[in-house]
């Protein structure tokens, strides 16, 4: 006989995986044979050895910081006293310490826990896992624009244009399979920047759009910004040299501030050549595969990835990201996350995990937005090396409840009814009455729809009745 009294049904506390709960399982696509790198590419063990050499100083500092109670400032940089202490302990200059510190953070060798430095998971695997080493170096390579400060006279707009144009320059360096004259790189940079401005229809206010005026638009913008494209090309090449992607010009060595100031040509290192090949291969695979989304918007790409299992989805994210500048891609993903589709919100943050360190500042800013805060906090914990199984512990009770409702909305919109019933197990409250009480108070805009869908799906009549009553109370504003 079924009781008419709502039961205090105990919820089984399990690791919370919001997006995994909303994703539908599908058959994995037929695997494509692993592409072979170009002839002459060193084997992975040799590439990893080169990456360890590039990051040797960063790894040494990270190991020392792990046991030295080194504390960073609020923005992640080292305070003067901490940098001086590290410099004395490691026989370095404070500037060398700051450089190694930045590299260690970008490569995932060091993580901050309440400002305190701890060894990152890549550092723990540094001597035994070549794949972890190469991924750490690629993370540094992807963040090349942070390796050196841009010229002080350069405006942020033109710096962003140069960063967005650089993939084309790297492709030229790769396809040339040898040194490329800086004049050719400058011509390509000039052409690409002009294309970017044309795409945005940038015509200076008050300027007569007469024939030929477009020919002078780019130089005028350069002059207004205070830094020429030649200077910015030198900055980009010096930054790539710093991260180990370019061969040092004759007479220069790593660490020279303006190594390409008087150089005449540039060439990729084996590491740089391999990394560019990997990114081009990702683009080709995505373009040729049935699930290729490289030319689609972030929203269309994420909708397409919703039917994929996590592994193939990550490959699509990486290919989509490889075809865009980091800043534009991150902003487009966050714009999708701010929309009404909860599934796309979770998938957008999955794609941001593929971005890594370059997305950190934007994700930290997104943590101030209530609808994005739970996702952003979980992203930051995992980015800093936290255990994904315990990452939800950083959320407050209210944030966890909001995330539960948001994930339930994704399941209700895109999943099967049994997934919604099983989603009860991931709630933090421990019992259905307490869950309903807190869900009613949380104020999520999809609360009513989620509760109605849950009541319709649940096989227990008494529990379903209690859930329907809660939905009615939220709808009418009752208690």
Protein backbone atom coordinates (compact mmCIF):
# COMPACT_ATOMS: atom_id res chain seq x y z
CA UNK A 1 0.00 0.00 0.00
CA UNK A 2 1.41 3.38 -1.01
CA UNK A 3 1.68 6.01 1.71
CA UNK A 4 0.16 9.42 0.99
CA UNK A 5 2.69 11.11 3.25
CA UNK A 6 5.70 12.60 1.41
CA UNK A 7 8.65 10.44 2.29
CA UNK A 8 11.94 11.68 3.63
CA UNK A 9 13.65 9.84 0.78
CA UNK A 10 17.36 9.76 1.35
CA UNK A 11 19.48 10.97 -1.54
CA UNK A 12 22.61 9.01 -2.25
CA UNK A 13 25.50 11.49 -2.26
CA UNK A 14 27.65 10.82 -5.33
CA UNK A 15 30.36 12.80 -7.12
CA UNK A 16 28.67 15.69 -8.91
CA UNK A 17 29.35 15.90 -12.63
CA UNK A 18 26.88 18.48 -13.94
CA UNK A 19 27.60 18.27 -17.66
CA UNK A 20 28.08 14.52 -17.62
CA UNK A 21 24.62 14.18 -16.11
CA UNK A 22 23.13 16.19 -18.95
CA UNK A 23 25.08 14.59 -21.82
CA UNK A 24 23.41 11.73 -23.65
CA UNK A 25 25.55 8.67 -24.36
CA UNK A 26 26.12 7.95 -28.03
CA UNK A 27 28.12 5.43 -29.96
CA UNK A 28 31.69 6.55 -30.40
CA UNK A 29 32.52 7.38 -34.00
CA UNK A 30 34.83 5.13 -35.96
CA UNK A 31 38.33 6.05 -35.01
CA UNK A 32 40.49 7.69 -37.62
CA UNK A 33 44.03 6.32 -37.87
CA UNK A 34 46.40 8.47 -35.85
CA UNK A 35 48.08 10.96 -38.19
CA UNK A 36 51.82 10.66 -38.60
CA UNK A 37 53.92 13.81 -38.07
CA UNK A 38 55.94 15.16 -41.00
CA UNK A 39 59.17 13.45 -41.88
CA UNK A 40 62.04 14.73 -39.78
CA UNK A 41 59.91 15.44 -36.70
CA UNK A 42 61.73 14.17 -33.60
CA UNK A 43 60.05 11.33 -31.67
CA UNK A 44 57.87 12.30 -28.68
CA UNK A 45 60.60 11.43 -26.18
CA UNK A 46 63.00 13.88 -27.84
CA UNK A 47 60.34 16.59 -28.07
CA UNK A 48 59.59 16.10 -24.38
CA UNK A 49 63.30 16.39 -23.59
CA UNK A 50 63.40 19.72 -25.43
CA UNK A 51 60.28 20.90 -23.59
CA UNK A 52 61.87 19.98 -20.25
CA UNK A 53 64.91 22.04 -21.25
CA UNK A 54 62.76 25.08 -22.09
CA UNK A 55 60.89 24.77 -18.79
CA UNK A 56 63.81 23.67 -16.61
CA UNK A 57 63.93 26.94 -14.69
CA UNK A 58 60.16 26.95 -14.20
CA UNK A 59 60.20 23.35 -12.94
CA UNK A 60 63.06 24.12 -10.55
CA UNK A 61 61.24 27.11 -9.11
CA UNK A 62 57.98 25.16 -8.83
CA UNK A 63 59.70 22.38 -6.87
CA UNK A 64 61.30 24.88 -4.52
CA UNK A 65 58.05 26.84 -4.07
CA UNK A 66 56.12 23.67 -3.20
CA UNK A 67 58.05 23.26 0.04
CA UNK A 68 58.90 26.90 0.78
CA UNK A 69 55.45 28.22 1.74
CA UNK A 70 55.71 30.74 -1.08
CA UNK A 71 52.66 32.99 -1.24
CA UNK A 72 51.61 34.95 -4.31
CA UNK A 73 49.72 38.22 -4.45
CA UNK A 74 45.99 38.53 -5.18
CA UNK A 75 46.66 38.68 -8.93
CA UNK A 76 48.90 35.61 -8.89
CA UNK A 77 52.18 37.50 -9.27
CA UNK A 78 55.01 37.26 -6.75
CA UNK A 79 55.37 40.13 -4.27
CA UNK A 80 58.78 41.75 -4.11
CA UNK A 81 59.74 40.02 -0.85
CA UNK A 82 58.74 36.57 -2.15
CA UNK A 83 60.65 37.07 -5.41
CA UNK A 84 63.74 38.19 -3.48
CA UNK A 85 63.56 35.18 -1.17
CA UNK A 86 63.30 32.81 -4.13
CA UNK A 87 66.14 34.59 -5.92
CA UNK A 88 68.47 34.17 -2.93
CA UNK A 89 67.55 30.51 -2.48
CA UNK A 90 68.03 29.63 -6.16
CA UNK A 91 70.92 31.99 -6.96
CA UNK A 92 68.85 33.91 -9.50
CA UNK A 93 67.91 37.51 -10.04
CA UNK A 94 64.39 38.60 -9.00
CA UNK A 95 63.57 39.18 -12.68
CA UNK A 96 64.59 35.61 -13.55
CA UNK A 97 62.39 34.37 -10.71
CA UNK A 98 59.40 36.33 -12.02
CA UNK A 99 59.95 34.96 -15.54
CA UNK A 100 60.19 31.38 -14.29
CA UNK A 101 57.17 31.93 -12.06
CA UNK A 102 55.05 33.10 -14.98
CA UNK A 103 56.18 30.12 -17.06
CA UNK A 104 55.45 27.70 -14.23
CA UNK A 105 51.92 29.02 -13.81
CA UNK A 106 51.15 29.05 -17.54
CA UNK A 107 52.49 25.50 -17.96
CA UNK A 108 50.57 24.14 -14.97
CA UNK A 109 53.69 23.34 -12.94
CA UNK A 110 52.56 25.38 -9.97
CA UNK A 111 49.09 25.98 -8.57
CA UNK A 112 47.77 28.46 -6.05
CA UNK A 113 45.58 27.40 -3.15
CA UNK A 114 44.40 30.50 -1.28
CA UNK A 115 47.52 32.21 -2.59
CA UNK A 116 49.89 29.47 -1.41
CA UNK A 117 52.03 27.81 -4.09
CA UNK A 118 51.71 24.06 -4.51
CA UNK A 119 53.14 21.66 -7.08
CA UNK A 120 50.80 21.18 -10.04
CA UNK A 121 49.90 17.72 -11.31
CA UNK A 122 52.15 18.18 -14.34
CA UNK A 123 55.13 18.77 -12.07
CA UNK A 124 54.36 15.56 -10.19
CA UNK A 125 54.41 13.70 -13.52
CA UNK A 126 57.33 15.71 -14.93
CA UNK A 127 60.01 13.02 -14.93
CA UNK A 128 57.87 10.07 -16.04
CA UNK A 129 55.12 11.34 -18.36
CA UNK A 130 56.25 12.79 -21.69
CA UNK A 131 52.66 13.58 -22.67
CA UNK A 132 52.15 15.73 -19.56
CA UNK A 133 55.39 17.58 -20.33
CA UNK A 134 54.39 18.29 -23.93
CA UNK A 135 50.93 19.45 -22.88
CA UNK A 136 52.52 21.77 -20.35
CA UNK A 137 54.75 23.25 -23.04
CA UNK A 138 51.81 23.63 -25.45
CA UNK A 139 49.92 25.53 -22.72
CA UNK A 140 52.91 27.88 -22.49
CA UNK A 141 53.09 28.16 -26.28
CA UNK A 142 49.38 29.00 -26.51
CA UNK A 143 49.92 31.81 -24.00
CA UNK A 144 52.92 33.26 -25.90
CA UNK A 145 51.45 36.79 -25.83
CA UNK A 146 51.83 36.79 -22.02
CA UNK A 147 55.50 35.78 -22.17
CA UNK A 148 56.68 39.34 -22.83
CA UNK A 149 54.91 42.64 -22.29
CA UNK A 150 53.76 44.30 -25.50
CA UNK A 151 55.42 47.62 -26.46
CA UNK A 152 54.26 50.32 -24.09
CA UNK A 153 53.28 52.55 -27.00
CA UNK A 154 51.00 49.94 -28.59
CA UNK A 155 47.27 50.26 -28.09
CA UNK A 156 45.25 47.22 -27.00
CA UNK A 157 43.35 47.08 -30.31
CA UNK A 158 46.40 46.65 -32.51
CA UNK A 159 47.98 44.21 -30.04
CA UNK A 160 44.81 42.10 -30.24
CA UNK A 161 44.96 42.22 -34.04
CA UNK A 162 48.55 41.00 -34.08
CA UNK A 163 47.68 38.15 -31.70
CA UNK A 164 44.74 37.19 -33.92
CA UNK A 165 46.92 37.31 -37.03
CA UNK A 166 49.78 35.24 -35.65
CA UNK A 167 48.38 31.76 -36.55
CA UNK A 168 48.77 32.67 -40.24
CA UNK A 169 52.40 33.64 -39.66
CA UNK A 170 53.07 30.41 -37.81
CA UNK A 171 51.48 28.46 -40.66
CA UNK A 172 53.81 30.19 -43.13
CA UNK A 173 56.81 29.33 -40.95
CA UNK A 174 55.66 25.71 -40.78
CA UNK A 175 54.91 25.30 -44.48
CA UNK A 176 58.21 26.93 -45.45
CA UNK A 177 60.10 24.16 -43.58
CA UNK A 178 63.02 26.53 -43.00
CA UNK A 179 63.97 30.14 -42.36
CA UNK A 180 61.53 32.85 -43.52
CA UNK A 181 62.61 36.44 -44.08
CA UNK A 182 61.10 38.93 -41.66
CA UNK A 183 60.05 41.11 -44.58
CA UNK A 184 57.77 38.28 -45.80
CA UNK A 185 56.31 37.84 -42.32
CA UNK A 186 55.73 41.60 -42.06
CA UNK A 187 53.95 41.65 -45.41
CA UNK A 188 51.68 38.82 -44.30
CA UNK A 189 51.01 40.50 -40.96
CA UNK A 190 50.15 43.77 -42.72
CA UNK A 191 47.79 41.95 -45.07
CA UNK A 192 46.10 39.95 -42.30
CA UNK A 193 45.57 42.99 -40.08
CA UNK A 194 44.05 44.84 -43.02
CA UNK A 195 41.69 41.89 -43.59
CA UNK A 196 40.64 41.88 -39.95
CA UNK A 197 39.85 45.57 -40.09
CA UNK A 198 37.91 45.14 -43.32
CA UNK A 199 35.87 42.33 -41.75
CA UNK A 200 34.97 44.69 -38.92
CA UNK A 201 34.32 47.56 -41.36
CA UNK A 202 36.61 49.87 -39.41
CA UNK A 203 36.51 53.30 -41.09
CA UNK A 204 37.81 56.17 -38.92
CA UNK A 205 35.01 58.56 -37.98
CA UNK A 206 34.82 61.55 -40.29
CA UNK A 207 37.11 60.00 -42.94
CA UNK A 208 35.96 60.15 -46.53
CA UNK A 209 35.64 56.53 -47.73
CA UNK A 210 37.04 57.46 -51.10
CA UNK A 211 38.88 55.00 -53.34
CA UNK A 212 42.34 54.47 -52.00
CA UNK A 213 41.48 55.61 -48.50
CA UNK A 214 41.46 51.97 -47.38
CA UNK A 215 45.08 51.73 -48.50
CA UNK A 216 46.01 54.24 -45.83
CA UNK A 217 43.70 53.00 -43.07
CA UNK A 218 46.13 50.48 -41.58
CA UNK A 219 49.16 52.80 -41.43
CA UNK A 220 46.98 55.53 -39.93
CA UNK A 221 45.75 53.17 -37.24
CA UNK A 222 49.33 52.08 -36.58
CA UNK A 223 50.45 55.68 -36.18
CA UNK A 224 47.52 56.43 -33.88
CA UNK A 225 48.40 53.43 -31.74
CA UNK A 226 51.97 54.66 -31.41
CA UNK A 227 53.63 51.38 -32.44
CA UNK A 228 54.29 50.11 -35.95
CA UNK A 229 53.52 46.62 -37.14
CA UNK A 230 57.25 46.04 -37.49
CA UNK A 231 57.72 46.71 -33.77
CA UNK A 232 54.82 44.44 -32.89
CA UNK A 233 56.16 41.70 -35.15
CA UNK A 234 59.46 41.92 -33.28
CA UNK A 235 57.58 41.66 -29.98
CA UNK A 236 55.65 38.58 -31.15
CA UNK A 237 58.80 36.85 -32.40
CA UNK A 238 60.67 37.63 -29.18
CA UNK A 239 57.77 36.18 -27.18
CA UNK A 240 57.77 33.02 -29.31
CA UNK A 241 61.53 32.76 -28.80
CA UNK A 242 61.00 33.05 -25.05
CA UNK A 243 58.63 30.06 -24.98
CA UNK A 244 60.95 27.96 -27.16
CA UNK A 245 58.98 28.02 -30.42
CA UNK A 246 61.59 29.87 -32.51
CA UNK A 247 65.26 29.35 -33.17
CA UNK A 248 67.37 32.16 -31.70
CA UNK A 249 68.89 34.44 -34.37
CA UNK A 250 72.63 34.39 -34.92
CA UNK A 251 74.43 36.17 -32.13
CA UNK A 252 71.46 36.05 -29.79
CA UNK A 253 70.35 33.67 -27.06
CA UNK A 254 67.20 32.98 -25.10
CA UNK A 255 66.55 35.82 -22.72
CA UNK A 256 67.72 38.67 -24.95
CA UNK A 257 64.99 41.29 -24.79
CA UNK A 258 65.06 42.23 -28.49
CA UNK A 259 66.60 39.20 -30.16
CA UNK A 260 64.80 39.89 -33.46
CA UNK A 261 65.50 43.62 -33.49
CA UNK A 262 68.32 43.26 -36.04
CA UNK A 263 67.47 39.77 -37.32
CA UNK A 264 66.62 39.14 -40.98
CA UNK A 265 64.75 35.83 -40.75
CA UNK A 266 62.91 33.49 -38.38
CA UNK A 267 62.58 29.72 -38.11
CA UNK A 268 60.54 27.35 -35.96
CA UNK A 269 62.24 25.01 -33.52
CA UNK A 270 61.32 21.29 -33.68
CA UNK A 271 58.93 21.93 -30.79
CA UNK A 272 57.32 24.87 -32.54
CA UNK A 273 57.12 22.97 -35.82
CA UNK A 274 55.47 19.98 -34.11
CA UNK A 275 52.96 22.16 -32.24
CA UNK A 276 51.87 24.03 -35.37
CA UNK A 277 51.50 20.71 -37.19
CA UNK A 278 49.28 19.39 -34.38
CA UNK A 279 47.01 22.46 -34.59
CA UNK A 280 46.79 22.28 -38.39
CA UNK A 281 45.98 18.58 -38.14
CA UNK A 282 43.20 19.32 -35.67
CA UNK A 283 41.71 21.83 -38.10
CA UNK A 284 41.91 19.37 -41.01
CA UNK A 285 40.37 16.52 -39.01
CA UNK A 286 37.49 18.72 -37.87
CA UNK A 287 36.88 20.05 -41.36
CA UNK A 288 36.83 16.56 -42.89
CA UNK A 289 34.91 14.72 -40.18
CA UNK A 290 31.13 14.33 -40.09
CA UNK A 291 31.10 16.39 -36.90
CA UNK A 292 33.30 19.18 -38.26
CA UNK A 293 32.27 22.52 -36.74
CA UNK A 294 35.35 24.60 -37.46
CA UNK A 295 33.51 27.31 -39.43
CA UNK A 296 30.42 27.40 -37.24
CA UNK A 297 29.56 29.74 -34.40
CA UNK A 298 30.28 28.72 -30.82
CA UNK A 299 26.60 27.95 -30.23
CA UNK A 300 26.31 25.74 -33.31
CA UNK A 301 29.57 23.98 -32.45
CA UNK A 302 28.43 23.25 -28.89
CA UNK A 303 25.04 21.99 -30.04
CA UNK A 304 26.80 19.63 -32.40
CA UNK A 305 29.11 18.44 -29.62
CA UNK A 306 26.18 17.73 -27.28
CA UNK A 307 25.61 14.39 -29.04
CA UNK A 308 29.27 13.37 -28.78
CA UNK A 309 30.98 11.51 -25.97
CA UNK A 310 33.57 13.57 -24.04
CA UNK A 311 36.63 12.42 -25.99
CA UNK A 312 35.41 13.30 -29.51
CA UNK A 313 33.83 16.48 -28.13
CA UNK A 314 37.18 17.65 -26.76
CA UNK A 315 38.75 17.06 -30.18
CA UNK A 316 36.06 19.28 -31.73
CA UNK A 317 36.64 22.00 -29.11
CA UNK A 318 40.38 22.02 -29.80
CA UNK A 319 39.93 22.17 -33.55
CA UNK A 320 37.40 25.01 -33.26
CA UNK A 321 39.73 26.90 -30.92
CA UNK A 322 42.77 26.35 -33.12
CA UNK A 323 41.07 28.26 -35.94
CA UNK A 324 40.44 31.37 -33.81
CA UNK A 325 42.25 33.85 -31.63
CA UNK A 326 42.05 32.92 -27.96
CA UNK A 327 40.42 36.15 -26.82
CA UNK A 328 37.64 36.06 -29.42
CA UNK A 329 36.95 32.37 -28.81
CA UNK A 330 36.73 32.77 -25.03
CA UNK A 331 34.36 35.73 -25.31
CA UNK A 332 32.14 33.87 -27.79
CA UNK A 333 31.95 30.84 -25.50
CA UNK A 334 31.06 33.00 -22.48
CA UNK A 335 28.37 34.75 -24.51
CA UNK A 336 26.79 31.35 -25.22
CA UNK A 337 27.11 30.44 -21.53
CA UNK A 338 25.06 33.52 -20.63
CA UNK A 339 22.15 32.28 -22.75
CA UNK A 340 19.07 30.35 -21.66
CA UNK A 341 20.19 26.84 -22.64
CA UNK A 342 21.69 25.24 -19.55
CA UNK A 343 23.26 22.40 -21.52
CA UNK A 344 25.19 24.86 -23.69
CA UNK A 345 26.27 26.68 -20.53
CA UNK A 346 27.91 23.54 -19.20
CA UNK A 347 29.41 22.63 -22.56
CA UNK A 348 30.81 26.14 -22.96
CA UNK A 349 32.83 25.67 -19.78
CA UNK A 350 33.96 22.25 -20.99
CA UNK A 351 35.28 23.96 -24.12
CA UNK A 352 36.95 26.61 -21.94
CA UNK A 353 38.84 23.79 -20.19
CA UNK A 354 40.42 23.08 -23.56
CA UNK A 355 41.59 26.72 -23.67
CA UNK A 356 43.40 26.46 -20.35
CA UNK A 357 45.49 29.27 -18.85
CA UNK A 358 44.67 31.99 -21.44
CA UNK A 359 41.01 31.82 -20.37
CA UNK A 360 41.69 32.24 -16.66
CA UNK A 361 41.20 36.02 -16.43
CA UNK A 362 37.89 35.91 -18.31
CA UNK A 363 36.61 33.00 -16.22
CA UNK A 364 37.54 34.79 -13.00
CA UNK A 365 35.55 37.80 -14.18
CA UNK A 366 32.61 35.52 -15.06
CA UNK A 367 32.59 34.25 -11.47
CA UNK A 368 30.97 37.59 -10.52
CA UNK A 369 27.88 36.71 -12.57
CA UNK A 370 25.43 34.62 -10.48
CA UNK A 371 24.34 32.36 -13.34
CA UNK A 372 27.94 31.54 -14.30
CA UNK A 373 29.52 31.55 -10.86
CA UNK A 374 29.21 27.81 -10.01
CA UNK A 375 30.62 26.80 -13.38
CA UNK A 376 33.43 29.37 -13.17
CA UNK A 377 34.43 28.31 -9.65
CA UNK A 378 34.58 24.64 -10.64
CA UNK A 379 36.62 25.56 -13.74
CA UNK A 380 39.11 27.53 -11.62
CA UNK A 381 39.53 24.72 -9.09
CA UNK A 382 40.23 22.16 -11.80
CA UNK A 383 42.50 24.59 -13.66
CA UNK A 384 44.56 25.05 -10.50
CA UNK A 385 44.99 21.28 -10.16
CA UNK A 386 42.17 20.43 -7.79
CA UNK A 387 40.60 16.98 -7.82
CA UNK A 388 37.49 17.07 -10.06
CA UNK A 389 35.76 14.68 -7.65
CA UNK A 390 36.09 17.12 -4.74
CA UNK A 391 35.95 20.36 -6.74
CA UNK A 392 32.21 20.93 -5.97
CA UNK A 393 33.19 21.34 -2.31
CA UNK A 394 34.25 24.93 -3.11
CA UNK A 395 30.62 25.86 -3.80
CA UNK A 396 28.33 27.20 -1.11
CA UNK A 397 25.08 25.38 -0.40
CA UNK A 398 23.17 27.98 -2.46
CA UNK A 399 25.60 27.73 -5.38
CA UNK A 400 25.38 23.93 -5.36
CA UNK A 401 21.59 24.09 -5.37
CA UNK A 402 21.57 26.61 -8.23
CA UNK A 403 23.88 24.31 -10.21
CA UNK A 404 21.65 21.33 -9.45
CA UNK A 405 18.61 23.15 -10.85
CA UNK A 406 20.56 24.42 -13.86
CA UNK A 407 21.80 20.92 -14.65
CA UNK A 408 18.30 19.50 -14.16
CA UNK A 409 17.06 22.07 -16.69
CA UNK A 410 19.64 20.79 -19.17
CA UNK A 411 18.54 17.21 -18.55
CA UNK A 412 14.86 18.13 -18.88
CA UNK A 413 15.50 19.92 -22.18
CA UNK A 414 17.89 17.46 -23.78
CA UNK A 415 17.99 14.19 -21.83
CA UNK A 416 15.78 11.24 -21.04
CA UNK A 417 13.33 11.11 -18.15
CA UNK A 418 15.33 8.48 -16.27
CA UNK A 419 18.37 10.78 -16.33
CA UNK A 420 16.28 13.40 -14.54
CA UNK A 421 15.23 10.90 -11.88
CA UNK A 422 18.84 9.78 -11.38
CA UNK A 423 19.88 13.42 -11.15
CA UNK A 424 18.25 13.46 -7.69
CA UNK A 425 21.24 11.45 -6.46
CA UNK A 426 23.60 14.35 -7.13
CA UNK A 427 21.84 16.84 -4.83
CA UNK A 428 23.75 17.91 -1.72
CA UNK A 429 20.74 18.17 0.61
CA UNK A 430 20.47 14.50 1.58
CA UNK A 431 16.66 14.25 1.47
CA UNK A 432 13.91 15.24 -0.93
CA UNK A 433 12.03 17.58 1.49
CA UNK A 434 15.19 19.55 2.21
CA UNK A 435 16.04 19.64 -1.48
CA UNK A 436 12.59 21.00 -2.36
CA UNK A 437 12.79 23.57 0.42
CA UNK A 438 16.11 24.94 -0.82
CA UNK A 439 15.18 24.71 -4.49
CA UNK A 440 12.09 26.84 -3.80
CA UNK A 441 14.26 29.47 -2.10
CA UNK A 442 17.09 29.61 -4.63
CA UNK A 443 15.23 31.66 -7.24
CA UNK A 444 16.43 29.88 -10.37
CA UNK A 445 14.30 30.98 -13.36
CA UNK A 446 13.76 27.36 -14.49
CA UNK A 447 12.69 26.01 -11.08
CA UNK A 448 9.03 25.46 -11.95
CA UNK A 449 9.75 23.69 -15.24
CA UNK A 450 12.36 21.46 -13.58
CA UNK A 451 10.03 20.44 -10.74
CA UNK A 452 7.11 19.76 -13.09
CA UNK A 453 9.35 17.59 -15.31
CA UNK A 454 10.71 15.73 -12.28
CA UNK A 455 7.24 15.09 -10.91
CA UNK A 456 6.11 13.72 -14.27
CA UNK A 457 9.16 11.44 -14.53
CA UNK A 458 9.39 10.04 -11.00
CA UNK A 459 7.79 6.62 -10.44
CA UNK A 460 7.03 7.19 -6.73
CA UNK A 461 3.50 8.71 -6.55
CA UNK A 462 3.98 10.27 -3.11
CA UNK A 463 7.30 11.87 -4.03
CA UNK A 464 5.92 13.06 -7.36
CA UNK A 465 2.98 14.66 -5.53
CA UNK A 466 5.33 16.52 -3.17
CA UNK A 467 7.39 17.77 -6.10
CA UNK A 468 4.25 18.98 -7.94
CA UNK A 469 3.13 20.79 -4.79
CA UNK A 470 6.52 22.51 -4.58
CA UNK A 471 6.28 23.54 -8.25
CA UNK A 472 2.83 25.03 -7.63
CA UNK A 473 4.09 26.95 -4.61
CA UNK A 474 6.98 28.42 -6.58
CA UNK A 475 4.64 29.31 -9.45
CA UNK A 476 2.14 31.08 -7.18
CA UNK A 477 4.74 32.61 -4.89
CA UNK A 478 3.56 30.55 -1.91
CA UNK A 479 5.62 28.93 0.85
